[in-house]
C-alpha cells in the first residue's frame, strides 16, 4: 500500500491544466463590484473562469460581476488573482441581462446599458 498517488494524471509542464479549456474572446466588458465599475477587455473565458484586462489598475473586491457588453451576459465571479491591470476570476455561470433581471444583477444591467448595451 502506497502513501503516494500515482502520477498518471499529470500533464507535461507548460500544458494547460484547467478542467475546461479556455477560449479567446477579446470582447469589450465591464467589471462591476461594490463601489467599482471599470471598463475591461474579456481576454479569455472557460466554463469555470474568465480573465480580464482592465483599462486601469484598480483593486477589485473579492466578488464581482463581469459584463460582456456585446452578448448582454453577466458572469458573477470571485477574484482568484490580480496582477496590475489583469485579473483571473472563477465564474459561476452566465446570466442574461435581457428581459427580467434578478435583483442582485441590477447594477450589472445598469452598467451594461451605460456601456451601450441594447
N, C-alpha and C. Protein backbone atom coordinates (compact mmCIF):
# COMPACT_ATOMS: atom_id res chain seq x y z
N UNK A 1 0.84 -1.17 0.00
CA UNK A 1 0.00 0.00 0.00
C UNK A 1 0.89 1.24 0.00
N UNK A 2 0.68 2.11 -0.99
CA UNK A 2 1.50 3.31 -1.13
C UNK A 2 0.80 4.52 -0.53
N UNK A 3 1.58 5.40 0.06
CA UNK A 3 1.03 6.64 0.60
C UNK A 3 0.91 7.72 -0.46
N UNK A 4 1.50 7.47 -1.62
CA UNK A 4 1.52 8.47 -2.67
C UNK A 4 0.62 8.05 -3.81
N UNK A 5 -0.02 9.03 -4.41
CA UNK A 5 -0.89 8.75 -5.56
C UNK A 5 -0.02 8.61 -6.81
N UNK A 6 -0.41 7.76 -7.75
CA UNK A 6 0.37 7.65 -8.99
C UNK A 6 0.29 8.94 -9.78
N UNK A 7 1.31 9.21 -10.56
CA UNK A 7 1.40 10.46 -11.31
C UNK A 7 0.86 10.31 -12.73
N UNK A 8 -0.01 9.37 -12.98
CA UNK A 8 -0.50 9.14 -14.33
C UNK A 8 -1.37 10.27 -14.85
N UNK A 9 -2.02 11.04 -13.97
CA UNK A 9 -2.92 12.10 -14.41
C UNK A 9 -2.22 13.43 -14.64
N UNK A 10 -0.94 13.51 -14.37
CA UNK A 10 -0.23 14.78 -14.51
C UNK A 10 0.02 15.09 -15.98
N UNK A 11 -0.07 16.37 -16.32
CA UNK A 11 0.17 16.83 -17.68
C UNK A 11 1.58 17.39 -17.76
N UNK A 12 2.17 17.40 -18.95
CA UNK A 12 3.52 17.93 -19.10
C UNK A 12 3.59 19.41 -18.70
N UNK A 13 4.78 19.86 -18.24
CA UNK A 13 4.93 21.27 -17.88
C UNK A 13 4.58 22.18 -19.05
N UNK A 14 3.94 23.30 -18.75
CA UNK A 14 3.56 24.25 -19.79
C UNK A 14 2.21 23.97 -20.42
N UNK A 15 1.67 22.78 -20.25
CA UNK A 15 0.37 22.44 -20.82
C UNK A 15 -0.72 22.95 -19.89
N UNK A 16 -1.82 23.42 -20.46
CA UNK A 16 -2.93 23.95 -19.68
C UNK A 16 -3.52 22.85 -18.80
N UNK A 17 -3.60 23.08 -17.49
CA UNK A 17 -4.09 22.08 -16.55
C UNK A 17 -5.52 22.33 -16.12
N UNK A 18 -6.21 23.23 -16.77
CA UNK A 18 -7.59 23.55 -16.38
C UNK A 18 -8.53 22.40 -16.72
N UNK A 19 -9.58 22.29 -15.92
CA UNK A 19 -10.58 21.24 -16.15
C UNK A 19 -11.34 21.48 -17.45
N UNK A 20 -11.61 22.73 -17.78
CA UNK A 20 -12.30 23.05 -19.03
C UNK A 20 -11.43 24.00 -19.85
N UNK A 21 -11.37 23.81 -21.15
CA UNK A 21 -10.48 24.62 -21.99
C UNK A 21 -10.90 26.08 -22.07
N UNK A 22 -9.89 26.95 -22.17
CA UNK A 22 -10.14 28.38 -22.34
C UNK A 22 -10.33 28.67 -23.82
N UNK A 23 -11.14 29.68 -24.10
CA UNK A 23 -11.28 30.13 -25.49
C UNK A 23 -11.07 31.64 -25.50
N UNK A 24 -10.30 32.11 -26.48
CA UNK A 24 -10.06 33.54 -26.62
C UNK A 24 -11.36 34.23 -26.96
N UNK A 25 -11.64 35.34 -26.29
CA UNK A 25 -12.89 36.06 -26.50
C UNK A 25 -12.61 37.45 -27.04
N UNK A 26 -11.71 38.18 -26.37
CA UNK A 26 -11.37 39.56 -26.75
C UNK A 26 -12.62 40.41 -26.97
N UNK A 27 -13.47 40.44 -25.95
CA UNK A 27 -14.73 41.19 -26.01
C UNK A 27 -14.70 42.35 -25.03
N UNK A 28 -15.39 43.42 -25.39
CA UNK A 28 -15.50 44.59 -24.52
C UNK A 28 -16.39 44.25 -23.34
N UNK A 29 -15.93 44.64 -22.14
CA UNK A 29 -16.70 44.32 -20.95
C UNK A 29 -16.60 45.39 -19.89
N UNK A 30 -17.29 45.13 -18.79
CA UNK A 30 -17.27 46.00 -17.62
C UNK A 30 -17.18 45.09 -16.39
N UNK A 31 -16.29 45.43 -15.46
CA UNK A 31 -16.20 44.73 -14.19
C UNK A 31 -16.94 45.58 -13.16
N UNK A 32 -17.94 44.99 -12.52
CA UNK A 32 -18.75 45.70 -11.52
C UNK A 32 -18.57 45.02 -10.17
N UNK A 33 -18.46 45.84 -9.14
CA UNK A 33 -18.36 45.32 -7.79
C UNK A 33 -18.83 46.38 -6.83
N UNK A 34 -18.63 46.10 -5.56
CA UNK A 34 -19.02 47.06 -4.53
C UNK A 34 -18.26 48.36 -4.75
N UNK A 35 -18.96 49.43 -5.10
CA UNK A 35 -18.38 50.76 -5.29
C UNK A 35 -17.34 50.83 -6.41
N UNK A 36 -17.43 49.95 -7.41
CA UNK A 36 -16.46 49.99 -8.51
C UNK A 36 -17.13 49.57 -9.82
N UNK A 37 -16.74 50.26 -10.88
CA UNK A 37 -17.20 49.92 -12.23
C UNK A 37 -16.05 50.30 -13.17
N UNK A 38 -15.42 49.30 -13.77
CA UNK A 38 -14.23 49.53 -14.59
C UNK A 38 -14.40 48.86 -15.94
N UNK A 39 -14.13 49.62 -17.01
CA UNK A 39 -14.14 49.04 -18.35
C UNK A 39 -13.01 48.03 -18.47
N UNK A 40 -13.25 46.97 -19.24
CA UNK A 40 -12.23 45.93 -19.38
C UNK A 40 -12.33 45.25 -20.74
N UNK A 41 -11.33 44.43 -21.02
CA UNK A 41 -11.33 43.53 -22.16
C UNK A 41 -11.42 42.13 -21.59
N UNK A 42 -12.42 41.36 -22.01
CA UNK A 42 -12.51 39.97 -21.59
C UNK A 42 -11.56 39.21 -22.49
N UNK A 43 -10.44 38.77 -21.94
CA UNK A 43 -9.37 38.16 -22.72
C UNK A 43 -9.72 36.73 -23.10
N UNK A 44 -10.05 35.92 -22.12
CA UNK A 44 -10.47 34.55 -22.41
C UNK A 44 -11.50 34.09 -21.39
N UNK A 45 -12.15 32.98 -21.74
CA UNK A 45 -13.30 32.50 -20.98
C UNK A 45 -13.31 30.99 -21.03
N UNK A 46 -13.69 30.37 -19.91
CA UNK A 46 -13.91 28.92 -19.87
C UNK A 46 -15.18 28.68 -19.06
N UNK A 47 -15.57 27.42 -18.92
CA UNK A 47 -16.77 27.11 -18.15
C UNK A 47 -16.62 27.51 -16.69
N UNK A 48 -15.39 27.58 -16.20
CA UNK A 48 -15.19 27.89 -14.80
C UNK A 48 -14.50 29.20 -14.49
N UNK A 49 -14.03 29.92 -15.53
CA UNK A 49 -13.30 31.13 -15.24
C UNK A 49 -13.28 32.13 -16.37
N UNK A 50 -12.76 33.29 -16.04
CA UNK A 50 -12.65 34.38 -17.02
C UNK A 50 -11.40 35.19 -16.66
N UNK A 51 -10.67 35.63 -17.68
CA UNK A 51 -9.52 36.51 -17.46
C UNK A 51 -9.83 37.84 -18.11
N UNK A 52 -9.62 38.92 -17.36
CA UNK A 52 -9.92 40.26 -17.85
C UNK A 52 -8.68 41.14 -17.78
N UNK A 53 -8.64 42.13 -18.66
CA UNK A 53 -7.61 43.18 -18.63
C UNK A 53 -8.35 44.49 -18.51
N UNK A 54 -8.17 45.16 -17.39
CA UNK A 54 -8.90 46.39 -17.12
C UNK A 54 -8.22 47.59 -17.74
N UNK A 55 -9.00 48.64 -18.01
CA UNK A 55 -8.47 49.87 -18.59
C UNK A 55 -7.49 50.56 -17.66
N UNK A 56 -7.72 50.40 -16.37
CA UNK A 56 -6.80 50.99 -15.39
C UNK A 56 -6.66 50.02 -14.23
N UNK A 57 -5.52 50.09 -13.57
CA UNK A 57 -5.29 49.22 -12.43
C UNK A 57 -6.17 49.63 -11.27
N UNK A 58 -7.06 48.77 -10.86
CA UNK A 58 -7.96 49.03 -9.74
C UNK A 58 -7.98 47.79 -8.86
N UNK A 59 -7.92 48.00 -7.56
CA UNK A 59 -8.04 46.88 -6.64
C UNK A 59 -9.49 46.40 -6.66
N UNK A 60 -9.69 45.16 -7.04
CA UNK A 60 -11.04 44.61 -7.13
C UNK A 60 -11.48 44.02 -5.80
N UNK A 61 -12.78 44.13 -5.48
CA UNK A 61 -13.30 43.43 -4.31
C UNK A 61 -13.30 41.92 -4.59
N UNK A 62 -13.50 41.13 -3.58
CA UNK A 62 -13.45 39.67 -3.75
C UNK A 62 -14.51 39.15 -4.72
N UNK A 63 -15.71 39.70 -4.66
CA UNK A 63 -16.79 39.26 -5.55
C UNK A 63 -17.15 40.38 -6.51
N UNK A 64 -17.22 40.03 -7.80
CA UNK A 64 -17.53 41.00 -8.85
C UNK A 64 -18.49 40.35 -9.84
N UNK A 65 -18.96 41.16 -10.78
CA UNK A 65 -19.73 40.67 -11.92
C UNK A 65 -19.05 41.21 -13.17
N UNK A 66 -18.71 40.32 -14.10
CA UNK A 66 -18.12 40.73 -15.36
C UNK A 66 -19.24 40.75 -16.39
N UNK A 67 -19.38 41.88 -17.09
CA UNK A 67 -20.43 42.04 -18.09
C UNK A 67 -19.82 42.02 -19.48
N UNK A 68 -20.31 41.11 -20.33
CA UNK A 68 -19.94 41.09 -21.74
C UNK A 68 -20.95 42.00 -22.44
N UNK A 69 -20.49 43.17 -22.89
CA UNK A 69 -21.40 44.18 -23.43
C UNK A 69 -22.09 43.70 -24.70
N UNK A 70 -21.35 43.12 -25.64
CA UNK A 70 -21.94 42.70 -26.91
C UNK A 70 -22.93 41.55 -26.75
N UNK A 71 -22.65 40.62 -25.83
CA UNK A 71 -23.51 39.45 -25.66
C UNK A 71 -24.62 39.66 -24.63
N UNK A 72 -24.59 40.78 -23.90
CA UNK A 72 -25.58 41.06 -22.85
C UNK A 72 -25.62 39.95 -21.82
N UNK A 73 -24.43 39.54 -21.38
CA UNK A 73 -24.31 38.45 -20.42
C UNK A 73 -23.50 38.92 -19.22
N UNK A 74 -23.95 38.53 -18.03
CA UNK A 74 -23.23 38.83 -16.79
C UNK A 74 -22.65 37.53 -16.24
N UNK A 75 -21.41 37.60 -15.76
CA UNK A 75 -20.74 36.46 -15.15
C UNK A 75 -20.42 36.80 -13.69
N UNK A 76 -21.26 36.39 -12.73
CA UNK A 76 -20.89 36.58 -11.33
C UNK A 76 -19.61 35.79 -11.07
N UNK A 77 -18.65 36.40 -10.37
CA UNK A 77 -17.35 35.76 -10.22
C UNK A 77 -16.66 36.15 -8.93
N UNK A 78 -15.68 35.34 -8.58
CA UNK A 78 -14.82 35.59 -7.42
C UNK A 78 -13.40 35.81 -7.93
N UNK A 79 -12.75 36.85 -7.44
CA UNK A 79 -11.38 37.15 -7.87
C UNK A 79 -10.44 36.10 -7.28
N UNK A 80 -9.68 35.44 -8.15
CA UNK A 80 -8.71 34.43 -7.73
C UNK A 80 -7.32 35.05 -7.65
N UNK A 81 -6.97 35.85 -8.64
CA UNK A 81 -5.68 36.54 -8.64
C UNK A 81 -5.81 37.86 -9.38
N UNK A 82 -4.91 38.78 -9.07
CA UNK A 82 -4.87 40.07 -9.75
C UNK A 82 -3.43 40.54 -9.81
N UNK A 83 -2.98 40.89 -11.01
CA UNK A 83 -1.63 41.43 -11.22
C UNK A 83 -1.76 42.67 -12.08
N UNK A 84 -1.61 43.83 -11.46
CA UNK A 84 -1.73 45.08 -12.20
C UNK A 84 -3.11 45.22 -12.80
N UNK A 85 -3.16 45.31 -14.14
CA UNK A 85 -4.44 45.52 -14.83
C UNK A 85 -5.13 44.21 -15.21
N UNK A 86 -4.50 43.07 -14.97
CA UNK A 86 -5.13 41.79 -15.30
C UNK A 86 -5.63 41.08 -14.05
N UNK A 87 -6.69 40.30 -14.24
CA UNK A 87 -7.24 39.53 -13.12
C UNK A 87 -7.82 38.22 -13.64
N UNK A 88 -7.68 37.19 -12.84
CA UNK A 88 -8.28 35.89 -13.13
C UNK A 88 -9.42 35.66 -12.17
N UNK A 89 -10.56 35.27 -12.69
CA UNK A 89 -11.78 35.15 -11.89
C UNK A 89 -12.38 33.76 -12.04
N UNK A 90 -12.95 33.24 -10.96
CA UNK A 90 -13.70 31.99 -11.00
C UNK A 90 -15.17 32.38 -11.16
N UNK A 91 -15.75 32.04 -12.33
CA UNK A 91 -17.13 32.43 -12.58
C UNK A 91 -18.08 31.28 -12.32
N UNK A 92 -19.32 31.63 -11.96
CA UNK A 92 -20.28 30.61 -11.55
C UNK A 92 -21.38 30.37 -12.59
N UNK A 93 -21.28 30.98 -13.76
CA UNK A 93 -22.29 30.76 -14.78
C UNK A 93 -22.79 32.05 -15.39
N UNK A 94 -23.17 31.99 -16.63
CA UNK A 94 -23.63 33.17 -17.37
C UNK A 94 -25.10 33.44 -17.09
N UNK A 95 -25.41 34.72 -16.94
CA UNK A 95 -26.79 35.17 -16.73
C UNK A 95 -27.10 36.25 -17.76
N UNK A 96 -28.21 36.11 -18.47
CA UNK A 96 -28.61 37.10 -19.48
C UNK A 96 -29.05 38.40 -18.81
N UNK A 97 -28.68 39.52 -19.43
CA UNK A 97 -29.11 40.83 -18.93
C UNK A 97 -30.32 41.35 -19.69
N UNK A 98 -30.80 40.59 -20.64
CA UNK A 98 -32.00 40.97 -21.38
C UNK A 98 -33.22 40.43 -20.65
N UNK A 99 -34.31 41.16 -20.70
CA UNK A 99 -35.54 40.71 -20.03
C UNK A 99 -35.47 40.95 -18.54
N UNK A 100 -36.16 40.11 -17.78
CA UNK A 100 -36.22 40.25 -16.33
C UNK A 100 -34.86 39.89 -15.74
N UNK A 101 -34.34 40.79 -14.91
CA UNK A 101 -33.02 40.60 -14.32
C UNK A 101 -33.16 40.40 -12.82
N UNK A 102 -32.48 39.39 -12.24
CA UNK A 102 -32.53 39.22 -10.79
C UNK A 102 -32.03 40.48 -10.08
N UNK A 103 -32.55 40.77 -8.91
CA UNK A 103 -32.21 41.99 -8.18
C UNK A 103 -30.71 42.14 -7.96
N UNK A 104 -30.00 41.04 -7.70
CA UNK A 104 -28.56 41.13 -7.44
C UNK A 104 -27.77 41.52 -8.68
N UNK A 105 -28.37 41.42 -9.87
CA UNK A 105 -27.68 41.78 -11.11
C UNK A 105 -28.13 43.12 -11.69
N UNK A 106 -29.01 43.83 -11.00
CA UNK A 106 -29.47 45.13 -11.50
C UNK A 106 -28.31 46.11 -11.69
N UNK A 107 -27.34 46.21 -10.75
CA UNK A 107 -26.21 47.12 -11.01
C UNK A 107 -25.41 46.72 -12.27
N UNK A 108 -25.27 45.43 -12.53
CA UNK A 108 -24.57 44.96 -13.73
C UNK A 108 -25.37 45.32 -14.98
N UNK A 109 -26.70 45.19 -14.91
CA UNK A 109 -27.54 45.56 -16.05
C UNK A 109 -27.44 47.06 -16.32
N UNK A 110 -27.43 47.87 -15.27
CA UNK A 110 -27.28 49.31 -15.43
C UNK A 110 -25.93 49.66 -16.06
N UNK A 111 -24.87 48.97 -15.63
CA UNK A 111 -23.53 49.19 -16.21
C UNK A 111 -23.53 48.80 -17.68
N UNK A 112 -24.22 47.71 -18.02
CA UNK A 112 -24.33 47.27 -19.42
C UNK A 112 -25.02 48.32 -20.27
N UNK A 113 -26.09 48.91 -19.76
CA UNK A 113 -26.81 49.95 -20.50
C UNK A 113 -25.94 51.21 -20.66
N UNK A 114 -25.23 51.60 -19.61
CA UNK A 114 -24.32 52.76 -19.71
C UNK A 114 -23.19 52.52 -20.71
N UNK A 115 -22.77 51.27 -20.86
CA UNK A 115 -21.69 50.93 -21.79
C UNK A 115 -22.18 50.81 -23.23
N UNK A 116 -23.47 51.03 -23.44
CA UNK A 116 -24.02 50.99 -24.80
C UNK A 116 -24.76 49.72 -25.14
N UNK A 117 -25.03 48.87 -24.16
CA UNK A 117 -25.77 47.63 -24.40
C UNK A 117 -27.20 47.90 -24.83
N UNK A 118 -27.68 47.09 -25.72
CA UNK A 118 -29.07 47.22 -26.20
C UNK A 118 -29.70 45.88 -26.35
